[in-house]
N, C-alpha and C. Protein backbone atom coordinates (compact mmCIF):
# COMPACT_ATOMS: atom_id res chain seq x y z
N UNK A 1 -38.32 29.42 7.08
CA UNK A 1 -37.37 28.89 5.88
C UNK A 1 -37.22 27.30 6.34
N UNK A 2 -37.08 26.75 5.22
CA UNK A 2 -36.17 25.65 5.16
C UNK A 2 -34.83 25.74 4.85
N UNK A 3 -33.99 25.41 5.60
CA UNK A 3 -32.53 25.50 5.52
C UNK A 3 -31.69 24.36 5.10
N UNK A 4 -31.04 24.17 4.16
CA UNK A 4 -30.50 22.97 3.67
C UNK A 4 -28.68 23.43 3.55
N UNK A 5 -27.89 22.97 4.29
CA UNK A 5 -26.57 22.42 4.62
C UNK A 5 -25.60 22.17 3.46
N UNK A 6 -25.17 22.37 2.68
CA UNK A 6 -24.34 21.57 1.87
C UNK A 6 -22.84 21.56 2.48
N UNK A 7 -21.91 20.28 2.55
CA UNK A 7 -20.94 19.98 3.28
C UNK A 7 -19.79 19.10 2.25
N UNK A 8 -18.59 20.01 2.01
CA UNK A 8 -17.88 19.24 1.24
C UNK A 8 -16.32 19.15 2.04
N UNK A 9 -14.99 18.87 2.04
CA UNK A 9 -13.75 19.11 2.53
C UNK A 9 -13.74 20.39 2.83
N UNK A 10 -13.09 21.30 1.84
CA UNK A 10 -12.92 22.64 2.17
C UNK A 10 -13.83 23.69 2.08
N UNK A 11 -15.05 23.49 1.58
CA UNK A 11 -15.53 24.74 1.02
C UNK A 11 -15.50 25.45 0.11
N UNK A 12 -14.57 25.30 -0.88
CA UNK A 12 -14.24 26.31 -2.07
C UNK A 12 -14.57 25.46 -3.25
N UNK A 13 -15.00 24.60 -3.33
CA UNK A 13 -15.21 23.94 -4.70
C UNK A 13 -16.92 23.21 -4.80
N UNK A 14 -16.68 21.82 -4.09
CA UNK A 14 -18.52 21.31 -4.21
C UNK A 14 -19.36 21.98 -3.56
N UNK A 15 -19.27 22.24 -2.00
CA UNK A 15 -20.32 22.76 -1.42
C UNK A 15 -20.68 23.91 -2.06
N UNK A 16 -20.08 24.49 -2.21
CA UNK A 16 -20.54 26.52 -2.64
C UNK A 16 -21.41 26.37 -3.81
N UNK A 17 -20.52 25.63 -4.63
CA UNK A 17 -21.35 25.30 -6.07
C UNK A 17 -22.80 24.80 -5.56
N UNK A 18 -22.88 23.64 -5.12
CA UNK A 18 -24.25 23.39 -4.37
C UNK A 18 -25.18 24.29 -3.94
N UNK A 19 -24.41 25.28 -2.75
CA UNK A 19 -25.20 25.98 -2.30
C UNK A 19 -25.87 27.10 -3.39
N UNK A 20 -24.68 27.53 -4.14
CA UNK A 20 -25.15 28.57 -5.13
C UNK A 20 -26.06 28.36 -6.39
N UNK A 21 -26.07 26.57 -6.55
CA UNK A 21 -27.03 26.20 -7.94
C UNK A 21 -28.40 25.56 -7.24
N UNK A 22 -27.95 25.61 -5.74
CA UNK A 22 -29.34 25.18 -5.32
C UNK A 22 -30.41 26.44 -5.11
N UNK A 23 -29.52 27.93 -4.75
CA UNK A 23 -29.95 28.80 -4.43
C UNK A 23 -30.56 29.81 -5.63
N UNK A 24 -30.32 29.34 -6.94
CA UNK A 24 -30.66 29.68 -7.97
C UNK A 24 -31.90 28.72 -8.44
N UNK A 25 -31.67 27.76 -8.66
CA UNK A 25 -33.13 26.68 -8.65
C UNK A 25 -34.22 27.60 -7.97
N UNK A 26 -34.14 27.68 -6.50
CA UNK A 26 -34.77 28.31 -5.57
C UNK A 26 -35.53 29.25 -6.08
N UNK A 27 -34.79 30.27 -6.72
CA UNK A 27 -34.76 31.88 -7.33
C UNK A 27 -35.91 31.42 -8.43
N UNK A 28 -35.91 30.02 -9.47
CA UNK A 28 -36.26 30.04 -10.73
C UNK A 28 -37.41 29.67 -10.70
N UNK A 29 -37.55 29.16 -9.49
CA UNK A 29 -39.00 28.79 -9.10
C UNK A 29 -39.84 29.58 -8.05
N UNK A 30 -39.38 30.47 -7.68
CA UNK A 30 -39.99 31.74 -7.07
C UNK A 30 -40.42 31.02 -5.44
N UNK A 31 -39.58 30.29 -4.94
CA UNK A 31 -39.20 29.65 -3.56
C UNK A 31 -38.34 30.22 -2.67
N UNK A 32 -37.80 31.37 -3.16
CA UNK A 32 -36.99 32.37 -1.95
C UNK A 32 -37.37 32.49 -0.62
N UNK A 33 -38.55 32.19 -0.11
CA UNK A 33 -39.22 32.59 1.09
C UNK A 33 -39.77 31.58 1.89
N UNK A 34 -39.23 30.23 1.19
CA UNK A 34 -38.88 29.16 1.66
C UNK A 34 -38.10 28.12 1.69
N UNK A 35 -37.11 28.14 1.01
CA UNK A 35 -35.88 28.09 1.18
C UNK A 35 -34.67 28.43 0.92
N UNK A 36 -33.41 27.79 1.93
CA UNK A 36 -32.28 28.71 1.73
C UNK A 36 -31.21 27.29 2.22
N UNK A 37 -29.88 27.88 0.89
CA UNK A 37 -28.75 26.89 0.75
C UNK A 37 -27.87 27.45 1.49
N UNK A 38 -26.93 26.88 2.29
CA UNK A 38 -25.52 27.12 3.13
C UNK A 38 -24.99 26.38 2.32
N UNK A 39 -23.70 26.66 3.10
CA UNK A 39 -22.57 25.56 2.70
C UNK A 39 -21.23 25.55 3.81
N UNK A 40 -20.26 24.45 4.10
CA UNK A 40 -19.53 24.67 5.04
C UNK A 40 -18.09 23.23 4.61
N UNK A 41 -17.43 23.83 5.43
CA UNK A 41 -16.11 22.77 5.39
C UNK A 41 -16.40 21.98 6.43
N UNK A 42 -15.73 20.50 6.76
CA UNK A 42 -15.28 19.90 7.53
C UNK A 42 -13.73 20.10 7.80
N UNK A 43 -13.16 20.53 6.63
CA UNK A 43 -11.60 20.37 7.16
C UNK A 43 -11.13 21.86 7.04
N UNK A 44 -10.10 22.59 7.50
CA UNK A 44 -10.11 23.88 8.11
C UNK A 44 -8.78 24.56 6.80
N UNK A 45 -8.51 23.82 6.27
CA UNK A 45 -7.22 23.98 4.95
C UNK A 45 -7.51 25.61 4.31
N UNK A 46 -9.03 26.06 4.27
CA UNK A 46 -9.48 27.04 3.38
C UNK A 46 -10.18 27.98 4.68
N UNK A 47 -9.35 27.87 5.69
CA UNK A 47 -9.67 28.88 6.72
C UNK A 47 -8.39 29.65 7.16
N UNK A 48 -8.30 31.19 7.24
CA UNK A 48 -7.15 32.02 6.86
C UNK A 48 -6.79 31.92 8.75
N UNK A 49 -5.57 32.35 8.91
CA UNK A 49 -5.24 32.28 10.72
C UNK A 49 -6.24 33.50 11.28
N UNK A 50 -6.56 34.23 10.30
CA UNK A 50 -7.46 35.28 11.25
C UNK A 50 -9.10 34.46 11.42
N UNK A 51 -9.36 33.68 11.15
CA UNK A 51 -10.46 32.92 11.38
C UNK A 51 -11.51 32.90 9.95
N UNK A 52 -10.89 34.00 8.67
CA UNK A 52 -11.78 34.37 7.84
C UNK A 52 -11.67 33.18 6.73
N UNK A 53 -12.32 32.91 5.64
CA UNK A 53 -12.17 31.82 4.67
C UNK A 53 -11.64 32.48 3.69
N UNK A 54 -11.47 31.52 2.77
CA UNK A 54 -10.99 32.23 1.42
C UNK A 54 -12.40 31.79 0.60
N UNK A 55 -12.40 32.61 -0.79
CA UNK A 55 -13.52 32.13 -1.52
C UNK A 55 -13.68 31.09 -2.79
N UNK A 56 -14.61 31.08 -3.17
CA UNK A 56 -14.89 30.09 -4.00
C UNK A 56 -13.58 30.04 -5.44
N UNK A 57 -13.68 28.46 -5.22
CA UNK A 57 -12.28 27.90 -6.32
C UNK A 57 -12.52 28.70 -7.41
N UNK A 58 -11.08 29.59 -7.99
CA UNK A 58 -11.57 30.31 -9.44
C UNK A 58 -12.38 29.33 -10.67
N UNK A 59 -12.38 28.35 -10.61
CA UNK A 59 -12.64 27.63 -12.01
C UNK A 59 -14.05 27.27 -11.43
N UNK A 60 -14.48 27.15 -10.20
CA UNK A 60 -15.65 26.82 -9.70
C UNK A 60 -16.69 28.15 -10.06
N UNK A 61 -16.15 29.21 -9.60
CA UNK A 61 -16.75 30.73 -9.34
C UNK A 61 -16.91 31.09 -11.06
N UNK A 62 -15.76 30.73 -12.03
CA UNK A 62 -16.28 31.03 -13.45
C UNK A 62 -16.98 30.60 -14.04
N UNK A 63 -17.48 29.40 -13.74
CA UNK A 63 -18.67 28.60 -14.04
C UNK A 63 -20.12 28.82 -13.72
N UNK A 64 -19.97 29.03 -12.14
CA UNK A 64 -21.24 29.75 -11.62
C UNK A 64 -21.26 31.28 -12.39
N UNK A 65 -20.20 32.43 -12.45
CA UNK A 65 -20.55 33.08 -13.31
C UNK A 65 -21.10 33.37 -14.76
N UNK A 66 -20.94 32.46 -14.94
CA UNK A 66 -21.03 31.91 -16.72
C UNK A 66 -22.73 31.67 -16.25
N UNK A 67 -23.07 31.42 -15.55
CA UNK A 67 -24.64 31.02 -15.14
C UNK A 67 -25.39 32.40 -14.72
N UNK A 68 -24.69 33.31 -14.75
CA UNK A 68 -24.85 35.09 -14.25
C UNK A 68 -25.56 34.61 -12.29
N UNK A 69 -25.03 33.69 -11.84
CA UNK A 69 -24.52 33.62 -10.35
C UNK A 69 -22.91 34.16 -9.88
N UNK A 70 -23.48 35.29 -9.04
CA UNK A 70 -22.26 35.94 -7.88
C UNK A 70 -21.98 34.97 -6.93
N UNK A 71 -21.05 34.58 -6.77
CA UNK A 71 -20.82 34.25 -5.39
C UNK A 71 -19.34 34.53 -4.80
N UNK A 72 -19.15 35.95 -4.98
CA UNK A 72 -17.96 36.78 -4.98
C UNK A 72 -17.62 37.01 -3.18
N UNK A 73 -19.06 36.93 -2.63
CA UNK A 73 -18.87 37.42 -1.20
C UNK A 73 -18.51 36.17 -0.51
N UNK A 74 -19.09 34.93 -1.08
CA UNK A 74 -18.87 33.83 -0.54
C UNK A 74 -17.41 33.26 0.21
N UNK A 75 -17.22 32.89 1.69
CA UNK A 75 -15.94 32.52 2.02
C UNK A 75 -16.27 30.96 2.78
N UNK A 76 -14.77 30.93 2.73
CA UNK A 76 -15.31 29.15 3.42
C UNK A 76 -15.50 29.58 4.83
N UNK A 77 -16.44 28.64 5.23
CA UNK A 77 -16.12 28.35 6.62
C UNK A 77 -16.71 27.19 7.42
N UNK A 78 -16.02 26.72 8.70
CA UNK A 78 -16.27 25.10 8.90
C UNK A 78 -17.30 25.03 9.61
N UNK A 79 -17.84 23.77 9.46
CA UNK A 79 -19.27 22.75 10.01
C UNK A 79 -18.67 22.96 11.68
N UNK A 80 -20.14 23.58 12.49
CA UNK A 80 -20.08 23.63 13.82
C UNK A 80 -20.83 22.55 14.18
N UNK A 81 -20.91 22.04 15.65
CA UNK A 81 -21.97 21.15 16.10
C UNK A 81 -23.20 22.12 16.08
N UNK A 82 -23.37 23.15 16.74
CA UNK A 82 -24.76 24.06 16.42
C UNK A 82 -25.35 24.10 14.87
N UNK A 83 -24.67 23.54 13.88
CA UNK A 83 -25.52 23.79 12.64
C UNK A 83 -26.37 22.60 12.67
N UNK A 84 -26.11 21.40 13.48
CA UNK A 84 -26.96 20.40 13.26
C UNK A 84 -28.49 20.91 13.55
N UNK A 85 -28.66 21.66 14.41
CA UNK A 85 -29.81 22.13 15.35
C UNK A 85 -30.36 23.46 14.11
N UNK A 86 -29.25 23.79 13.60
CA UNK A 86 -30.08 25.29 12.38
C UNK A 86 -30.60 25.03 10.88
N UNK A 87 -30.25 23.51 10.67
CA UNK A 87 -30.53 23.09 9.29
C UNK A 87 -31.45 21.98 9.28
N UNK A 88 -32.21 21.51 7.93
CA UNK A 88 -33.28 20.76 8.10
C UNK A 88 -32.41 19.24 7.53
N UNK A 89 -31.50 19.81 6.27
CA UNK A 89 -31.06 18.43 6.00
C UNK A 89 -29.30 19.19 5.73
N UNK A 90 -28.45 18.40 6.49
CA UNK A 90 -27.01 18.39 6.11
C UNK A 90 -26.23 17.65 5.17
N UNK A 91 -25.95 17.85 3.72
CA UNK A 91 -26.13 17.12 2.86
C UNK A 91 -24.72 17.02 2.43
N UNK A 92 -23.90 15.57 2.48
CA UNK A 92 -22.27 15.68 2.16
C UNK A 92 -22.26 15.57 0.87
N UNK A 93 -21.03 15.12 0.40
CA UNK A 93 -20.48 15.26 -1.06
C UNK A 93 -19.58 13.84 -1.25
N UNK A 94 -18.92 13.16 0.14
CA UNK A 94 -18.74 11.69 -0.06
C UNK A 94 -18.41 11.02 1.30
N UNK A 95 -18.09 10.00 1.29
CA UNK A 95 -18.45 9.03 2.40
C UNK A 95 -16.89 10.04 3.45
N UNK A 96 -15.98 10.25 2.98
CA UNK A 96 -15.13 11.03 3.85
C UNK A 96 -15.72 12.38 4.82
N UNK A 97 -16.37 13.06 3.80
CA UNK A 97 -17.14 14.32 4.61
C UNK A 97 -18.11 13.53 5.56
N UNK A 98 -19.03 12.51 5.36
CA UNK A 98 -19.87 11.97 6.23
C UNK A 98 -19.20 11.94 7.26
N UNK A 99 -17.98 10.73 7.23
CA UNK A 99 -17.73 10.77 8.63
C UNK A 99 -17.09 12.00 9.50
N UNK A 100 -16.45 12.76 8.50
CA UNK A 100 -15.87 13.79 9.49
C UNK A 100 -17.03 14.82 9.92
N UNK A 101 -18.32 15.02 9.18
CA UNK A 101 -19.31 15.63 9.64
C UNK A 101 -20.03 15.06 10.96
N UNK A 102 -20.11 13.79 10.92
CA UNK A 102 -20.84 13.37 12.53
C UNK A 102 -19.96 13.41 13.30
N UNK A 103 -18.49 13.65 13.51
CA UNK A 103 -17.50 13.52 14.03
C UNK A 103 -17.67 15.26 14.51
N UNK A 104 -17.66 15.94 13.80
CA UNK A 104 -17.99 17.38 14.24
C UNK A 104 -19.18 17.83 15.12
N UNK A 105 -20.16 16.68 14.08
CA UNK A 105 -21.96 17.36 14.74
C UNK A 105 -22.20 16.37 16.00
N UNK A 106 -21.46 15.52 16.20
CA UNK A 106 -21.52 14.77 17.34
C UNK A 106 -22.60 13.46 17.70
N UNK A 107 -22.86 13.28 16.24
CA UNK A 107 -23.55 12.18 15.68
C UNK A 107 -24.93 13.14 14.82
N UNK A 108 -25.91 12.04 14.69
CA UNK A 108 -26.93 12.38 13.71
C UNK A 108 -28.05 11.41 14.41
N UNK A 109 -28.39 12.02 15.09
CA UNK A 109 -29.69 11.06 16.13
C UNK A 109 -31.08 11.28 15.25
N UNK A 110 -31.10 12.42 14.31
CA UNK A 110 -32.34 12.66 13.74
C UNK A 110 -32.61 12.58 12.30
N UNK A 111 -31.44 11.79 11.97
CA UNK A 111 -30.80 11.39 10.50
C UNK A 111 -31.25 12.42 9.48
N UNK A 112 -30.52 13.66 9.78
CA UNK A 112 -30.47 14.79 8.66
C UNK A 112 -29.19 14.70 7.73
N UNK A 113 -28.15 14.09 8.37
CA UNK A 113 -27.04 14.13 7.42
C UNK A 113 -27.17 13.18 6.00
N UNK A 114 -27.11 13.40 5.37
CA UNK A 114 -27.12 12.42 4.12
C UNK A 114 -26.36 12.44 3.24
N UNK A 115 -26.04 12.22 2.14
CA UNK A 115 -25.67 12.10 0.65
C UNK A 115 -25.96 13.21 -0.17
N UNK A 116 -25.57 13.78 -0.67
CA UNK A 116 -26.23 14.58 -1.91
C UNK A 116 -26.91 13.96 -2.68
N UNK A 117 -26.06 12.75 -3.38
CA UNK A 117 -26.89 11.67 -4.52
C UNK A 117 -27.71 11.08 -4.50
N UNK A 118 -27.87 11.36 -3.11
CA UNK A 118 -29.09 10.83 -2.48
C UNK A 118 -30.70 10.59 -3.69
N UNK A 119 -30.38 11.84 -4.07
CA UNK A 119 -31.73 12.39 -4.33
C UNK A 119 -31.33 11.79 -6.26
N UNK A 120 -30.51 11.53 -6.68
CA UNK A 120 -29.97 11.03 -7.93
C UNK A 120 -29.42 9.58 -8.01
N UNK A 121 -29.93 8.67 -6.81
CA UNK A 121 -29.38 7.10 -7.01
C UNK A 121 -28.01 7.26 -6.61
N UNK A 122 -27.26 7.55 -5.85
CA UNK A 122 -26.16 7.20 -4.87
C UNK A 122 -25.01 7.74 -5.26
N UNK A 123 -24.03 7.03 -4.72
CA UNK A 123 -22.51 7.50 -5.18
C UNK A 123 -21.92 8.76 -4.53
N UNK A 124 -20.63 9.07 -4.93
CA UNK A 124 -20.16 10.31 -4.44
C UNK A 124 -19.96 10.87 -5.53
N UNK A 125 -19.59 12.68 -4.76
CA UNK A 125 -19.28 13.67 -5.60
C UNK A 125 -17.86 13.57 -5.55
N UNK A 126 -17.07 13.45 -6.62
CA UNK A 126 -15.55 13.59 -6.47
C UNK A 126 -15.56 15.21 -6.35
N UNK A 127 -14.06 14.99 -5.61
CA UNK A 127 -13.36 16.07 -5.61
C UNK A 127 -12.74 16.84 -6.50
N UNK A 128 -13.35 17.46 -7.22
CA UNK A 128 -12.48 18.28 -8.47
C UNK A 128 -10.78 18.95 -8.17
N UNK A 129 -10.89 19.41 -7.00
CA UNK A 129 -9.45 19.80 -6.84
C UNK A 129 -8.65 19.01 -6.93
N UNK A 130 -8.68 17.75 -6.73
CA UNK A 130 -8.10 16.45 -7.65
C UNK A 130 -7.98 16.12 -8.67
N UNK A 131 -9.09 15.79 -8.78
CA UNK A 131 -9.66 15.03 -10.26
C UNK A 131 -9.55 16.02 -11.51
N UNK A 132 -9.87 17.07 -11.47
CA UNK A 132 -9.53 18.46 -12.60
C UNK A 132 -11.00 18.33 -13.16
N UNK A 133 -11.88 17.27 -12.68
CA UNK A 133 -13.35 17.03 -13.60
C UNK A 133 -13.96 18.18 -13.14
N UNK A 134 -13.90 19.30 -13.49
CA UNK A 134 -14.99 20.55 -12.59
C UNK A 134 -16.50 20.44 -13.45
N UNK A 135 -16.31 20.00 -14.91
CA UNK A 135 -17.91 20.13 -15.58
C UNK A 135 -18.42 19.09 -15.42
N UNK A 136 -17.76 17.90 -15.27
CA UNK A 136 -18.41 16.53 -14.46
C UNK A 136 -18.94 16.95 -13.29
N UNK A 137 -18.26 17.32 -12.60
CA UNK A 137 -18.77 17.88 -10.64
C UNK A 137 -19.93 18.72 -11.08
N UNK A 138 -19.52 19.47 -11.54
CA UNK A 138 -20.69 20.95 -11.92
C UNK A 138 -22.00 20.20 -12.53
N UNK A 139 -22.00 19.30 -13.03
CA UNK A 139 -23.11 18.87 -13.90
C UNK A 139 -23.58 17.94 -12.76
N UNK A 140 -22.82 17.13 -11.95
CA UNK A 140 -23.56 16.43 -10.99
C UNK A 140 -24.35 17.02 -10.20
N UNK A 141 -23.98 18.05 -9.43
CA UNK A 141 -24.29 18.91 -8.42
C UNK A 141 -25.72 19.48 -8.84
N UNK A 142 -25.69 20.00 -10.09
CA UNK A 142 -26.81 20.83 -10.56
C UNK A 142 -28.13 19.40 -10.62
N UNK A 143 -27.53 18.93 -11.28
CA UNK A 143 -29.07 17.57 -11.38
C UNK A 143 -29.32 17.27 -9.75
N UNK A 144 -28.50 17.17 -9.00
CA UNK A 144 -28.88 16.65 -7.30
C UNK A 144 -29.26 17.86 -6.81
N UNK A 145 -28.89 19.10 -6.96
CA UNK A 145 -29.85 20.14 -6.58
C UNK A 145 -31.05 20.48 -6.85
N UNK A 146 -31.29 20.11 -7.89
CA UNK A 146 -32.89 19.66 -8.74
C UNK A 146 -33.38 19.09 -8.08
N UNK A 147 -32.70 17.67 -8.32
CA UNK A 147 -33.51 16.69 -7.93
C UNK A 147 -34.12 16.72 -6.46
N UNK A 148 -33.41 17.46 -5.79
CA UNK A 148 -33.34 17.74 -3.88
C UNK A 148 -34.84 18.65 -3.73
N UNK A 149 -34.80 19.54 -4.75
CA UNK A 149 -35.34 20.95 -4.52
C UNK A 149 -36.98 20.15 -5.06
N UNK A 150 -37.19 19.24 -6.38
CA UNK A 150 -37.98 18.71 -6.81
C UNK A 150 -38.73 18.07 -5.35
N UNK A 151 -37.58 16.78 -4.74
CA UNK A 151 -38.32 16.13 -3.41
C UNK A 151 -38.76 17.09 -2.41
N UNK A 152 -37.95 18.28 -2.33
CA UNK A 152 -38.27 18.96 -0.89
C UNK A 152 -40.08 19.70 -1.12
N UNK A 153 -39.94 19.83 -2.30
CA UNK A 153 -41.29 20.87 -2.78
C UNK A 153 -42.94 19.82 -2.84
N UNK A 154 -42.30 18.18 -2.87
CA UNK A 154 -43.70 17.87 -3.20
C UNK A 154 -43.71 17.22 -1.48
N UNK A 155 -42.72 17.44 -0.65
CA UNK A 155 -43.47 17.13 0.77
C UNK A 155 -44.16 18.23 1.56
């Protein structure tokens, strides 16, 4: 199994959207036994005192559900140092996520931490929590995860 981890600040908007859109694309191509996407946060804002996480942000959840994607069981979780060895790629949404991920992971000796947008020409995936541009971010993530899957299936 080729495991891919999507990372954003809080693990309630961008990274779970990427996780679920990636897994949906994997399923539509019949590659469920080959690829698995998951997601994590670099910030602990969406982790409850008991250690469990909050669910996918309602706007993102509705957008995924409109595609027939059930994300109701997803809970935010923190990135851990152990994640580095578990995943083939750890894909971040922006430069802040990149710096925070490197700090948590203790570096990137194998070059596995990359921007998700590397597969669509670069740039950052803005945080819709602040910008409210959920449609734009959803489309950007969808394009990127499909380009990522295209790249991975040609390797």
